[in-house]
Amino acid sequence: MTPKTKEEFAKYIDSTLLRADATENDIRVLCKDAIKYNFAAVCVNPCNIELCKNLLQNSKISIATVVGFPLGANISNVKFYEAGMALLAGASELDMVINIGKLKEKNYSFVEKEISEIVRLSSEAKALVKIIIETALLTEAEKIEACKIVSNSGGHFIKTSTGFAKMGATIEDIELMRKYCDPKVKIKASGGIKTVDFALKLIEAGAERIGTSSGVELITNFA
């Protein structure tokens, strides 16, 4: 459903700060703004989870962090450990990058097993898992396979991009995901979302979260 008010629009936004040079003050500003506008979540690197937990403890804003970020090429056990430590630190949402090389090799069982193990771990903590497939690096056929894998693995969201590849979210990719994912799998669009018009078009196409480092600009420009 297309948001009609700023309050409705804010609940789509994962306000994101994943820069390597992000400081404590940057994270404090991120959380302050998230509280001011009542965003759905903040998305930060794992080292900033505990700070966010302290800053957001009296709010309903979720703390999302990344796993296997940004390449997805970590050893599976390292991803699993990273996810567990993030949950212990206070994350309630995990944005996990798939092993893109394994997908392109058609080693679908490897990709699905890796996701399933993290979903199982997260379910014990009642946390959401968003699966980043990095659409810019995939063919259409590979995107369709990724949709099937995420659906089979129990992932709660499928997510377009890390924001570190050559391209981010597109309307066409959101439409493809909605067509080929199980209906219970939600969609997070991320990467290059800088305008309200584009964000709304992504939502109309099927996105239920918008990952962006421009959350404040989007919400203040929402008419």
N, C-alpha and C. Protein backbone atom coordinates (compact mmCIF):
# COMPACT_ATOMS: atom_id res chain seq x y z
N MET A 1 0.85 -1.19 0.00
CA MET A 1 0.00 0.00 0.00
C MET A 1 0.88 1.24 0.00
N THR A 2 0.63 2.13 -0.93
CA THR A 2 1.43 3.34 -1.04
C THR A 2 1.18 4.26 0.15
N PRO A 3 2.22 4.71 0.83
CA PRO A 3 2.02 5.59 1.99
C PRO A 3 1.45 6.94 1.59
N LYS A 4 0.53 7.43 2.42
CA LYS A 4 -0.14 8.70 2.14
C LYS A 4 0.38 9.84 3.03
N THR A 5 1.00 9.48 4.14
CA THR A 5 1.47 10.48 5.08
C THR A 5 2.95 10.25 5.38
N LYS A 6 3.58 11.26 5.98
CA LYS A 6 4.98 11.11 6.39
C LYS A 6 5.12 9.98 7.40
N GLU A 7 4.14 9.86 8.30
CA GLU A 7 4.21 8.82 9.32
C GLU A 7 4.18 7.42 8.69
N GLU A 8 3.32 7.25 7.69
CA GLU A 8 3.26 5.96 6.99
C GLU A 8 4.54 5.71 6.20
N PHE A 9 5.04 6.73 5.54
CA PHE A 9 6.27 6.61 4.75
C PHE A 9 7.46 6.24 5.63
N ALA A 10 7.53 6.84 6.81
CA ALA A 10 8.66 6.59 7.72
C ALA A 10 8.79 5.12 8.09
N LYS A 11 7.66 4.40 8.16
CA LYS A 11 7.69 3.00 8.57
C LYS A 11 8.23 2.07 7.49
N TYR A 12 8.49 2.62 6.31
CA TYR A 12 9.15 1.85 5.25
C TYR A 12 10.67 1.97 5.30
N ILE A 13 11.17 2.94 6.03
CA ILE A 13 12.58 3.32 5.90
C ILE A 13 13.49 2.63 6.90
N ASP A 14 14.51 1.96 6.37
CA ASP A 14 15.65 1.50 7.16
C ASP A 14 16.74 2.56 6.97
N SER A 15 16.92 3.42 7.96
CA SER A 15 17.89 4.51 7.85
C SER A 15 19.29 3.92 8.04
N THR A 16 20.10 4.05 7.02
CA THR A 16 21.31 3.23 6.90
C THR A 16 22.60 4.05 6.99
N LEU A 17 23.55 3.53 7.76
CA LEU A 17 24.88 4.13 7.82
C LEU A 17 25.90 3.01 7.91
N LEU A 18 26.46 2.65 6.75
CA LEU A 18 27.40 1.53 6.67
C LEU A 18 28.77 1.96 6.16
N ARG A 19 29.02 3.26 6.17
CA ARG A 19 30.34 3.74 5.74
C ARG A 19 31.43 3.25 6.70
N ALA A 20 32.58 2.97 6.14
CA ALA A 20 33.70 2.52 6.96
C ALA A 20 34.19 3.60 7.91
N ASP A 21 33.98 4.87 7.55
CA ASP A 21 34.48 5.97 8.37
C ASP A 21 33.42 6.55 9.31
N ALA A 22 32.31 5.86 9.50
CA ALA A 22 31.27 6.35 10.40
C ALA A 22 31.79 6.40 11.83
N THR A 23 31.60 7.54 12.49
CA THR A 23 32.06 7.73 13.86
C THR A 23 30.92 7.55 14.85
N GLU A 24 31.25 7.54 16.14
CA GLU A 24 30.22 7.44 17.16
C GLU A 24 29.23 8.60 17.05
N ASN A 25 29.74 9.78 16.77
CA ASN A 25 28.84 10.92 16.63
C ASN A 25 27.88 10.74 15.45
N ASP A 26 28.38 10.16 14.36
CA ASP A 26 27.52 9.89 13.21
C ASP A 26 26.38 8.94 13.60
N ILE A 27 26.72 7.93 14.37
CA ILE A 27 25.70 6.95 14.80
C ILE A 27 24.69 7.60 15.74
N ARG A 28 25.17 8.48 16.59
CA ARG A 28 24.26 9.20 17.50
C ARG A 28 23.26 10.06 16.71
N VAL A 29 23.75 10.72 15.67
CA VAL A 29 22.86 11.53 14.82
C VAL A 29 21.87 10.62 14.10
N LEU A 30 22.34 9.49 13.59
CA LEU A 30 21.47 8.53 12.91
C LEU A 30 20.31 8.11 13.81
N CYS A 31 20.64 7.75 15.05
CA CYS A 31 19.61 7.28 15.98
C CYS A 31 18.69 8.42 16.41
N LYS A 32 19.25 9.60 16.61
CA LYS A 32 18.43 10.76 16.98
C LYS A 32 17.40 11.04 15.89
N ASP A 33 17.84 11.01 14.65
CA ASP A 33 16.93 11.25 13.53
C ASP A 33 15.90 10.13 13.41
N ALA A 34 16.33 8.89 13.65
CA ALA A 34 15.40 7.76 13.57
C ALA A 34 14.29 7.91 14.59
N ILE A 35 14.63 8.38 15.79
CA ILE A 35 13.62 8.61 16.82
C ILE A 35 12.71 9.77 16.42
N LYS A 36 13.30 10.83 15.90
CA LYS A 36 12.52 12.01 15.51
C LYS A 36 11.47 11.66 14.47
N TYR A 37 11.85 10.84 13.48
CA TYR A 37 10.94 10.56 12.37
C TYR A 37 10.25 9.19 12.51
N ASN A 38 10.63 8.43 13.52
CA ASN A 38 10.03 7.11 13.79
C ASN A 38 10.20 6.16 12.60
N PHE A 39 11.46 6.03 12.14
CA PHE A 39 11.77 5.11 11.07
C PHE A 39 11.56 3.66 11.52
N ALA A 40 11.45 2.76 10.56
CA ALA A 40 11.28 1.35 10.89
C ALA A 40 12.52 0.80 11.60
N ALA A 41 13.70 1.18 11.10
CA ALA A 41 14.94 0.62 11.64
C ALA A 41 16.11 1.53 11.32
N VAL A 42 17.18 1.32 12.07
CA VAL A 42 18.49 1.81 11.65
C VAL A 42 19.29 0.59 11.22
N CYS A 43 20.15 0.76 10.23
CA CYS A 43 21.00 -0.34 9.76
C CYS A 43 22.45 0.11 9.85
N VAL A 44 23.23 -0.59 10.69
CA VAL A 44 24.59 -0.17 11.00
C VAL A 44 25.54 -1.36 10.93
N ASN A 45 26.82 -1.07 10.92
CA ASN A 45 27.81 -2.13 11.00
C ASN A 45 27.78 -2.77 12.39
N PRO A 46 28.20 -4.03 12.49
CA PRO A 46 28.07 -4.76 13.76
C PRO A 46 28.72 -4.08 14.96
N CYS A 47 29.81 -3.36 14.76
CA CYS A 47 30.51 -2.73 15.88
C CYS A 47 29.68 -1.63 16.52
N ASN A 48 28.61 -1.19 15.86
CA ASN A 48 27.79 -0.10 16.37
C ASN A 48 26.45 -0.56 16.97
N ILE A 49 26.25 -1.87 17.04
CA ILE A 49 24.97 -2.39 17.56
C ILE A 49 24.73 -1.96 19.00
N GLU A 50 25.71 -2.15 19.86
CA GLU A 50 25.51 -1.86 21.28
C GLU A 50 25.22 -0.39 21.52
N LEU A 51 25.90 0.49 20.80
CA LEU A 51 25.63 1.92 20.93
C LEU A 51 24.18 2.22 20.52
N CYS A 52 23.75 1.64 19.40
CA CYS A 52 22.37 1.85 18.96
C CYS A 52 21.37 1.30 19.98
N LYS A 53 21.71 0.17 20.55
CA LYS A 53 20.81 -0.41 21.56
C LYS A 53 20.61 0.55 22.73
N ASN A 54 21.67 1.19 23.16
CA ASN A 54 21.57 2.16 24.26
C ASN A 54 20.79 3.40 23.84
N LEU A 55 21.03 3.86 22.64
CA LEU A 55 20.39 5.09 22.18
C LEU A 55 18.91 4.90 21.85
N LEU A 56 18.54 3.68 21.48
CA LEU A 56 17.16 3.42 21.02
C LEU A 56 16.33 2.62 22.02
N GLN A 57 16.85 2.46 23.23
CA GLN A 57 16.21 1.54 24.18
C GLN A 57 14.79 1.92 24.55
N ASN A 58 14.44 3.19 24.45
CA ASN A 58 13.08 3.62 24.79
C ASN A 58 12.20 3.83 23.56
N SER A 59 12.62 3.28 22.43
CA SER A 59 11.86 3.41 21.20
C SER A 59 11.48 2.02 20.68
N LYS A 60 10.68 2.01 19.64
CA LYS A 60 10.30 0.76 18.98
C LYS A 60 11.06 0.56 17.67
N ILE A 61 12.11 1.33 17.48
CA ILE A 61 12.90 1.25 16.25
C ILE A 61 13.80 0.03 16.30
N SER A 62 13.76 -0.76 15.23
CA SER A 62 14.58 -1.98 15.17
C SER A 62 16.04 -1.64 14.87
N ILE A 63 16.91 -2.52 15.33
CA ILE A 63 18.34 -2.39 15.03
C ILE A 63 18.70 -3.49 14.04
N ALA A 64 19.05 -3.06 12.84
CA ALA A 64 19.49 -3.99 11.80
C ALA A 64 21.01 -3.89 11.65
N THR A 65 21.62 -5.02 11.35
CA THR A 65 23.05 -5.02 11.06
C THR A 65 23.31 -5.94 9.89
N VAL A 66 24.56 -5.96 9.43
CA VAL A 66 24.91 -6.72 8.24
C VAL A 66 25.75 -7.93 8.59
N VAL A 67 25.61 -8.97 7.77
CA VAL A 67 26.34 -10.22 7.94
C VAL A 67 26.99 -10.59 6.61
N GLY A 68 28.27 -10.90 6.65
CA GLY A 68 28.98 -11.25 5.42
C GLY A 68 29.06 -10.08 4.45
N PHE A 69 29.14 -8.91 5.00
CA PHE A 69 29.02 -7.67 4.21
C PHE A 69 30.40 -7.13 3.82
N PRO A 70 30.57 -6.59 2.62
CA PRO A 70 29.58 -6.47 1.54
C PRO A 70 29.70 -7.54 0.45
N LEU A 71 30.66 -8.45 0.54
CA LEU A 71 30.92 -9.37 -0.57
C LEU A 71 30.16 -10.69 -0.48
N GLY A 72 29.82 -11.12 0.74
CA GLY A 72 29.12 -12.39 0.91
C GLY A 72 30.02 -13.60 0.81
N ALA A 73 31.32 -13.38 0.73
CA ALA A 73 32.25 -14.48 0.43
C ALA A 73 32.96 -15.05 1.66
N ASN A 74 32.49 -14.70 2.84
CA ASN A 74 33.08 -15.25 4.06
C ASN A 74 32.85 -16.76 4.15
N ILE A 75 33.66 -17.43 4.95
CA ILE A 75 33.40 -18.83 5.28
C ILE A 75 32.04 -18.90 5.99
N SER A 76 31.26 -19.91 5.69
CA SER A 76 29.91 -20.01 6.25
C SER A 76 29.91 -19.97 7.78
N ASN A 77 30.85 -20.66 8.39
CA ASN A 77 30.90 -20.66 9.86
C ASN A 77 31.18 -19.27 10.42
N VAL A 78 31.92 -18.47 9.67
CA VAL A 78 32.20 -17.09 10.09
C VAL A 78 30.91 -16.27 10.01
N LYS A 79 30.14 -16.45 8.96
CA LYS A 79 28.85 -15.77 8.84
C LYS A 79 27.93 -16.17 10.00
N PHE A 80 27.92 -17.45 10.30
CA PHE A 80 27.05 -17.96 11.36
C PHE A 80 27.46 -17.35 12.71
N TYR A 81 28.77 -17.31 12.95
CA TYR A 81 29.28 -16.73 14.21
C TYR A 81 28.97 -15.24 14.26
N GLU A 82 29.18 -14.56 13.15
CA GLU A 82 28.92 -13.12 13.08
C GLU A 82 27.45 -12.84 13.38
N ALA A 83 26.57 -13.65 12.80
CA ALA A 83 25.13 -13.48 13.05
C ALA A 83 24.80 -13.69 14.52
N GLY A 84 25.38 -14.72 15.11
CA GLY A 84 25.13 -15.00 16.53
C GLY A 84 25.60 -13.89 17.43
N MET A 85 26.78 -13.36 17.16
CA MET A 85 27.31 -12.27 17.97
C MET A 85 26.47 -11.00 17.81
N ALA A 86 25.99 -10.77 16.61
CA ALA A 86 25.14 -9.59 16.36
C ALA A 86 23.83 -9.69 17.14
N LEU A 87 23.26 -10.88 17.18
CA LEU A 87 22.02 -11.07 17.92
C LEU A 87 22.25 -10.89 19.42
N LEU A 88 23.37 -11.41 19.91
CA LEU A 88 23.69 -11.25 21.33
C LEU A 88 23.91 -9.78 21.69
N ALA A 89 24.46 -9.03 20.76
CA ALA A 89 24.72 -7.60 21.01
C ALA A 89 23.45 -6.77 21.00
N GLY A 90 22.38 -7.31 20.41
CA GLY A 90 21.11 -6.58 20.43
C GLY A 90 20.46 -6.33 19.08
N ALA A 91 21.02 -6.87 18.01
CA ALA A 91 20.38 -6.71 16.70
C ALA A 91 19.09 -7.51 16.64
N SER A 92 18.08 -6.94 16.00
CA SER A 92 16.81 -7.66 15.83
C SER A 92 16.52 -7.94 14.36
N GLU A 93 17.40 -7.47 13.48
CA GLU A 93 17.28 -7.74 12.06
C GLU A 93 18.69 -7.93 11.50
N LEU A 94 18.85 -8.96 10.66
CA LEU A 94 20.13 -9.25 10.04
C LEU A 94 20.00 -9.13 8.53
N ASP A 95 20.84 -8.31 7.91
CA ASP A 95 20.88 -8.17 6.45
C ASP A 95 22.10 -8.94 5.97
N MET A 96 21.85 -10.13 5.45
CA MET A 96 22.92 -11.08 5.12
C MET A 96 23.16 -11.14 3.62
N VAL A 97 24.42 -11.07 3.22
CA VAL A 97 24.78 -11.19 1.80
C VAL A 97 25.00 -12.66 1.45
N ILE A 98 24.35 -13.09 0.37
CA ILE A 98 24.55 -14.47 -0.07
C ILE A 98 25.96 -14.65 -0.64
N ASN A 99 26.36 -15.91 -0.80
CA ASN A 99 27.61 -16.20 -1.50
C ASN A 99 27.31 -16.13 -3.00
N ILE A 100 27.62 -15.00 -3.59
CA ILE A 100 27.24 -14.73 -4.98
C ILE A 100 27.96 -15.67 -5.95
N GLY A 101 29.22 -15.96 -5.68
CA GLY A 101 29.97 -16.86 -6.54
C GLY A 101 29.35 -18.24 -6.59
N LYS A 102 28.92 -18.75 -5.43
CA LYS A 102 28.29 -20.07 -5.38
C LYS A 102 26.97 -20.08 -6.16
N LEU A 103 26.23 -19.00 -6.08
CA LEU A 103 24.99 -18.92 -6.86
C LEU A 103 25.30 -18.98 -8.35
N LYS A 104 26.30 -18.23 -8.77
CA LYS A 104 26.64 -18.19 -10.20
C LYS A 104 27.20 -19.54 -10.68
N GLU A 105 27.78 -20.32 -9.76
CA GLU A 105 28.25 -21.67 -10.09
C GLU A 105 27.11 -22.69 -10.13
N LYS A 106 25.91 -22.22 -9.78
CA LYS A 106 24.72 -23.08 -9.68
C LYS A 106 24.80 -24.05 -8.51
N ASN A 107 25.59 -23.66 -7.50
CA ASN A 107 25.64 -24.48 -6.28
C ASN A 107 24.54 -23.99 -5.34
N TYR A 108 23.31 -24.23 -5.76
CA TYR A 108 22.16 -23.67 -5.07
C TYR A 108 21.98 -24.26 -3.67
N SER A 109 22.35 -25.53 -3.50
CA SER A 109 22.20 -26.16 -2.18
C SER A 109 23.10 -25.48 -1.15
N PHE A 110 24.30 -25.06 -1.57
CA PHE A 110 25.21 -24.36 -0.66
C PHE A 110 24.59 -23.04 -0.21
N VAL A 111 24.08 -22.28 -1.16
CA VAL A 111 23.51 -20.96 -0.85
C VAL A 111 22.30 -21.12 0.07
N GLU A 112 21.44 -22.07 -0.25
CA GLU A 112 20.24 -22.26 0.57
C GLU A 112 20.58 -22.74 1.97
N LYS A 113 21.55 -23.63 2.10
CA LYS A 113 21.94 -24.14 3.42
C LYS A 113 22.49 -23.02 4.28
N GLU A 114 23.32 -22.18 3.70
CA GLU A 114 23.92 -21.08 4.45
C GLU A 114 22.84 -20.13 4.98
N ILE A 115 21.89 -19.80 4.13
CA ILE A 115 20.79 -18.92 4.55
C ILE A 115 19.95 -19.60 5.63
N SER A 116 19.59 -20.86 5.39
CA SER A 116 18.72 -21.58 6.31
C SER A 116 19.30 -21.66 7.72
N GLU A 117 20.61 -21.84 7.80
CA GLU A 117 21.24 -21.95 9.12
C GLU A 117 21.16 -20.63 9.88
N ILE A 118 21.33 -19.53 9.18
CA ILE A 118 21.23 -18.23 9.85
C ILE A 118 19.78 -17.89 10.18
N VAL A 119 18.85 -18.29 9.31
CA VAL A 119 17.43 -18.09 9.62
C VAL A 119 17.05 -18.90 10.87
N ARG A 120 17.55 -20.11 10.95
CA ARG A 120 17.24 -20.96 12.12
C ARG A 120 17.82 -20.33 13.39
N LEU A 121 19.04 -19.86 13.33
CA LEU A 121 19.64 -19.19 14.48
C LEU A 121 18.84 -17.96 14.88
N SER A 122 18.44 -17.19 13.90
CA SER A 122 17.73 -15.95 14.16
C SER A 122 16.33 -16.19 14.71
N SER A 123 15.72 -17.29 14.32
CA SER A 123 14.36 -17.58 14.78
C SER A 123 14.33 -17.77 16.29
N GLU A 124 15.41 -18.28 16.84
CA GLU A 124 15.50 -18.46 18.30
C GLU A 124 15.47 -17.12 19.02
N ALA A 125 15.98 -16.08 18.35
CA ALA A 125 16.00 -14.73 18.93
C ALA A 125 14.83 -13.89 18.41
N LYS A 126 13.94 -14.52 17.63
CA LYS A 126 12.79 -13.83 17.04
C LYS A 126 13.23 -12.62 16.22
N ALA A 127 14.32 -12.82 15.49
CA ALA A 127 14.88 -11.76 14.65
C ALA A 127 14.56 -12.00 13.18
N LEU A 128 14.48 -10.94 12.42
CA LEU A 128 14.24 -11.03 10.98
C LEU A 128 15.56 -11.20 10.24
N VAL A 129 15.50 -11.90 9.11
CA VAL A 129 16.67 -12.04 8.25
C VAL A 129 16.31 -11.53 6.86
N LYS A 130 17.12 -10.58 6.37
CA LYS A 130 16.94 -10.04 5.03
C LYS A 130 18.11 -10.54 4.18
N ILE A 131 17.79 -11.16 3.07
CA ILE A 131 18.81 -11.80 2.24
C ILE A 131 19.18 -10.89 1.07
N ILE A 132 20.41 -10.41 1.08
CA ILE A 132 20.90 -9.52 0.02
C ILE A 132 21.45 -10.37 -1.13
N ILE A 133 20.86 -10.22 -2.32
CA ILE A 133 21.30 -11.04 -3.45
C ILE A 133 22.19 -10.27 -4.43
N GLU A 134 22.37 -8.99 -4.23
CA GLU A 134 23.21 -8.13 -5.08
C GLU A 134 22.82 -8.27 -6.56
N THR A 135 21.65 -7.75 -6.87
CA THR A 135 21.06 -7.89 -8.20
C THR A 135 21.95 -7.38 -9.33
N ALA A 136 22.76 -6.37 -9.07
CA ALA A 136 23.61 -5.80 -10.12
C ALA A 136 24.60 -6.82 -10.69
N LEU A 137 24.89 -7.87 -9.93
CA LEU A 137 25.87 -8.86 -10.36
C LEU A 137 25.25 -10.12 -10.94
N LEU A 138 23.90 -10.14 -11.03
CA LEU A 138 23.21 -11.36 -11.45
C LEU A 138 22.49 -11.17 -12.78
N THR A 139 22.40 -12.28 -13.53
CA THR A 139 21.54 -12.31 -14.71
C THR A 139 20.09 -12.45 -14.26
N GLU A 140 19.16 -12.29 -15.18
CA GLU A 140 17.75 -12.46 -14.83
C GLU A 140 17.48 -13.88 -14.33
N ALA A 141 18.07 -14.86 -14.99
CA ALA A 141 17.87 -16.25 -14.58
C ALA A 141 18.42 -16.48 -13.16
N GLU A 142 19.56 -15.87 -12.86
CA GLU A 142 20.14 -16.02 -11.52
C GLU A 142 19.29 -15.32 -10.47
N LYS A 143 18.69 -14.19 -10.82
CA LYS A 143 17.79 -13.52 -9.88
C LYS A 143 16.58 -14.39 -9.57
N ILE A 144 16.06 -15.06 -10.58
CA ILE A 144 14.91 -15.94 -10.38
C ILE A 144 15.29 -17.11 -9.47
N GLU A 145 16.46 -17.68 -9.68
CA GLU A 145 16.93 -18.76 -8.81
C GLU A 145 17.11 -18.25 -7.38
N ALA A 146 17.64 -17.03 -7.24
CA ALA A 146 17.82 -16.46 -5.90
C ALA A 146 16.48 -16.30 -5.20
N CYS A 147 15.46 -15.89 -5.93
CA CYS A 147 14.12 -15.76 -5.35
C CYS A 147 13.62 -17.10 -4.83
N LYS A 148 13.85 -18.16 -5.60
CA LYS A 148 13.43 -19.49 -5.19
C LYS A 148 14.18 -19.94 -3.95
N ILE A 149 15.48 -19.67 -3.93
CA ILE A 149 16.30 -20.08 -2.79
C ILE A 149 15.87 -19.36 -1.52
N VAL A 150 15.67 -18.05 -1.61
CA VAL A 150 15.25 -17.29 -0.43
C VAL A 150 13.89 -17.79 0.07
N SER A 151 12.99 -18.08 -0.85
CA SER A 151 11.68 -18.60 -0.48
C SER A 151 11.80 -19.94 0.23
N ASN A 152 12.66 -20.82 -0.29
CA ASN A 152 12.82 -22.15 0.30
C ASN A 152 13.54 -22.13 1.63
N SER A 153 14.40 -21.13 1.83
CA SER A 153 15.26 -21.09 3.02
C SER A 153 14.56 -20.51 4.24
N GLY A 154 13.42 -19.87 4.04
CA GLY A 154 12.72 -19.25 5.17
C GLY A 154 13.13 -17.82 5.43
N GLY A 155 13.88 -17.21 4.52
CA GLY A 155 14.25 -15.80 4.68
C GLY A 155 13.02 -14.92 4.75
N HIS A 156 13.07 -13.92 5.61
CA HIS A 156 11.90 -13.06 5.80
C HIS A 156 11.79 -11.99 4.72
N PHE A 157 12.95 -11.52 4.25
CA PHE A 157 13.00 -10.51 3.20
C PHE A 157 14.02 -10.93 2.16
N ILE A 158 13.80 -10.52 0.93
CA ILE A 158 14.83 -10.55 -0.09
C ILE A 158 15.20 -9.10 -0.36
N LYS A 159 16.47 -8.82 -0.47
CA LYS A 159 16.95 -7.44 -0.57
C LYS A 159 17.79 -7.29 -1.82
N THR A 160 17.65 -6.17 -2.49
CA THR A 160 18.31 -5.99 -3.79
C THR A 160 19.82 -5.88 -3.72
N SER A 161 20.32 -5.05 -2.80
CA SER A 161 21.70 -4.58 -2.96
C SER A 161 22.38 -4.25 -1.64
N THR A 162 23.71 -4.27 -1.68
CA THR A 162 24.50 -3.78 -0.55
C THR A 162 24.68 -2.27 -0.60
N GLY A 163 24.57 -1.70 -1.79
CA GLY A 163 24.90 -0.30 -1.99
C GLY A 163 26.35 -0.10 -2.39
N PHE A 164 27.09 -1.21 -2.46
CA PHE A 164 28.52 -1.14 -2.79
C PHE A 164 28.81 -1.66 -4.20
N ALA A 165 27.79 -2.12 -4.92
CA ALA A 165 27.99 -2.62 -6.28
C ALA A 165 27.77 -1.50 -7.29
N LYS A 166 27.84 -1.85 -8.57
CA LYS A 166 27.77 -0.83 -9.62
C LYS A 166 26.38 -0.24 -9.78
N MET A 167 25.36 -0.94 -9.31
CA MET A 167 23.99 -0.45 -9.39
C MET A 167 23.23 -0.88 -8.14
N GLY A 168 22.14 -0.16 -7.86
CA GLY A 168 21.30 -0.50 -6.72
C GLY A 168 19.94 -1.00 -7.18
N ALA A 169 18.92 -0.58 -6.47
CA ALA A 169 17.57 -1.05 -6.73
C ALA A 169 17.03 -0.53 -8.05
N THR A 170 16.21 -1.36 -8.71
CA THR A 170 15.47 -0.93 -9.90
C THR A 170 14.02 -1.38 -9.75
N ILE A 171 13.14 -0.69 -10.44
CA ILE A 171 11.72 -1.07 -10.44
C ILE A 171 11.58 -2.48 -11.01
N GLU A 172 12.31 -2.76 -12.07
CA GLU A 172 12.20 -4.06 -12.74
C GLU A 172 12.59 -5.21 -11.80
N ASP A 173 13.62 -5.00 -10.99
CA ASP A 173 14.04 -6.06 -10.07
C ASP A 173 13.01 -6.28 -8.96
N ILE A 174 12.40 -5.22 -8.48
CA ILE A 174 11.36 -5.38 -7.46
C ILE A 174 10.18 -6.16 -8.04
N GLU A 175 9.80 -5.84 -9.26
CA GLU A 175 8.69 -6.55 -9.92
C GLU A 175 9.05 -8.02 -10.12
N LEU A 176 10.28 -8.29 -10.51
CA LEU A 176 10.71 -9.68 -10.69
C LEU A 176 10.67 -10.44 -9.37
N MET A 177 11.18 -9.81 -8.31
CA MET A 177 11.17 -10.46 -6.99
C MET A 177 9.75 -10.77 -6.54
N ARG A 178 8.84 -9.82 -6.75
CA ARG A 178 7.47 -10.05 -6.33
C ARG A 178 6.83 -11.19 -7.12
N LYS A 179 7.23 -11.33 -8.37
CA LYS A 179 6.68 -12.38 -9.21
C LYS A 179 7.19 -13.76 -8.81
N TYR A 180 8.47 -13.86 -8.46
CA TYR A 180 9.07 -15.17 -8.28
C TYR A 180 9.30 -15.59 -6.82
N CYS A 181 9.17 -14.67 -5.89
CA CYS A 181 9.29 -15.05 -4.47
C CYS A 181 7.96 -15.55 -3.93
N ASP A 182 8.03 -16.40 -2.93
CA ASP A 182 6.83 -16.79 -2.20
C ASP A 182 6.17 -15.52 -1.67
N PRO A 183 4.83 -15.43 -1.70
CA PRO A 183 4.14 -14.23 -1.22
C PRO A 183 4.50 -13.81 0.20
N LYS A 184 4.90 -14.77 1.03
CA LYS A 184 5.22 -14.42 2.43
C LYS A 184 6.60 -13.76 2.55
N VAL A 185 7.42 -13.83 1.51
CA VAL A 185 8.72 -13.18 1.52
C VAL A 185 8.54 -11.71 1.16
N LYS A 186 8.98 -10.83 2.06
CA LYS A 186 8.89 -9.40 1.80
C LYS A 186 10.11 -8.93 1.02
N ILE A 187 10.03 -7.72 0.50
CA ILE A 187 11.09 -7.19 -0.36
C ILE A 187 11.64 -5.91 0.24
N LYS A 188 12.97 -5.84 0.30
CA LYS A 188 13.64 -4.60 0.70
C LYS A 188 14.43 -4.08 -0.50
N ALA A 189 14.11 -2.86 -0.90
CA ALA A 189 14.85 -2.19 -1.97
C ALA A 189 15.93 -1.34 -1.34
N SER A 190 17.13 -1.42 -1.87
CA SER A 190 18.24 -0.61 -1.34
C SER A 190 19.24 -0.35 -2.45
N GLY A 191 19.99 0.74 -2.26
CA GLY A 191 21.02 1.11 -3.22
C GLY A 191 20.54 2.20 -4.16
N GLY A 192 21.04 3.42 -3.97
CA GLY A 192 20.77 4.51 -4.89
C GLY A 192 19.40 5.14 -4.76
N ILE A 193 18.75 4.98 -3.62
CA ILE A 193 17.41 5.54 -3.44
C ILE A 193 17.54 6.92 -2.80
N LYS A 194 17.45 7.94 -3.63
CA LYS A 194 17.74 9.30 -3.19
C LYS A 194 16.54 10.24 -3.27
N THR A 195 15.47 9.83 -3.94
CA THR A 195 14.33 10.71 -4.10
C THR A 195 13.04 10.06 -3.63
N VAL A 196 12.07 10.89 -3.21
CA VAL A 196 10.78 10.38 -2.78
C VAL A 196 10.06 9.68 -3.92
N ASP A 197 10.12 10.27 -5.11
CA ASP A 197 9.44 9.69 -6.26
C ASP A 197 9.92 8.27 -6.54
N PHE A 198 11.23 8.07 -6.52
CA PHE A 198 11.78 6.74 -6.78
C PHE A 198 11.38 5.77 -5.67
N ALA A 199 11.47 6.21 -4.43
CA ALA A 199 11.09 5.36 -3.31
C ALA A 199 9.64 4.91 -3.42
N LEU A 200 8.76 5.83 -3.76
CA LEU A 200 7.34 5.50 -3.89
C LEU A 200 7.08 4.54 -5.05
N LYS A 201 7.82 4.69 -6.13
CA LYS A 201 7.68 3.77 -7.26
C LYS A 201 8.13 2.36 -6.86
N LEU A 202 9.18 2.28 -6.07
CA LEU A 202 9.65 0.98 -5.58
C LEU A 202 8.61 0.34 -4.67
N ILE A 203 7.99 1.14 -3.83
CA ILE A 203 6.94 0.64 -2.94
C ILE A 203 5.74 0.16 -3.76
N GLU A 204 5.35 0.93 -4.75
CA GLU A 204 4.23 0.54 -5.62
C GLU A 204 4.52 -0.77 -6.35
N ALA A 205 5.80 -1.01 -6.65
CA ALA A 205 6.20 -2.23 -7.35
C ALA A 205 6.24 -3.45 -6.43
N GLY A 206 6.23 -3.19 -5.11
CA GLY A 206 6.20 -4.32 -4.17
C GLY A 206 7.15 -4.25 -3.00
N ALA A 207 8.01 -3.23 -2.94
CA ALA A 207 8.94 -3.12 -1.81
C ALA A 207 8.21 -2.77 -0.53
N GLU A 208 8.60 -3.43 0.56
CA GLU A 208 8.00 -3.16 1.86
C GLU A 208 8.99 -2.53 2.84
N ARG A 209 10.24 -2.43 2.44
CA ARG A 209 11.25 -1.65 3.16
C ARG A 209 12.09 -0.92 2.12
N ILE A 210 12.56 0.25 2.52
CA ILE A 210 13.46 1.06 1.70
C ILE A 210 14.74 1.29 2.51
N GLY A 211 15.83 0.70 2.06
CA GLY A 211 17.11 0.92 2.71
C GLY A 211 17.81 2.10 2.07
N THR A 212 18.12 3.11 2.87
CA THR A 212 18.70 4.32 2.29
C THR A 212 19.52 5.09 3.31
N SER A 213 20.58 5.72 2.83
CA SER A 213 21.36 6.64 3.67
C SER A 213 20.81 8.05 3.58
N SER A 214 19.71 8.20 2.82
CA SER A 214 19.08 9.52 2.64
C SER A 214 17.71 9.59 3.30
N GLY A 215 17.54 8.86 4.40
CA GLY A 215 16.24 8.79 5.05
C GLY A 215 15.69 10.14 5.47
N VAL A 216 16.54 10.98 6.04
CA VAL A 216 16.08 12.29 6.51
C VAL A 216 15.64 13.15 5.33
N GLU A 217 16.44 13.14 4.27
CA GLU A 217 16.08 13.91 3.08
C GLU A 217 14.77 13.42 2.48
N LEU A 218 14.57 12.12 2.45
CA LEU A 218 13.34 11.57 1.88
C LEU A 218 12.12 11.98 2.70
N ILE A 219 12.22 11.82 4.01
CA ILE A 219 11.05 12.10 4.83
C ILE A 219 10.72 13.60 4.86
N THR A 220 11.75 14.44 4.86
CA THR A 220 11.48 15.88 4.88
C THR A 220 10.96 16.39 3.54
N ASN A 221 11.22 15.66 2.46
CA ASN A 221 10.73 16.07 1.14
C ASN A 221 9.42 15.39 0.76
N PHE A 222 8.93 14.52 1.65
CA PHE A 222 7.66 13.84 1.36
C PHE A 222 6.52 14.84 1.43
N ALA A 223 5.74 14.93 0.37
CA ALA A 223 4.66 15.92 0.31
C ALA A 223 3.39 15.37 0.97
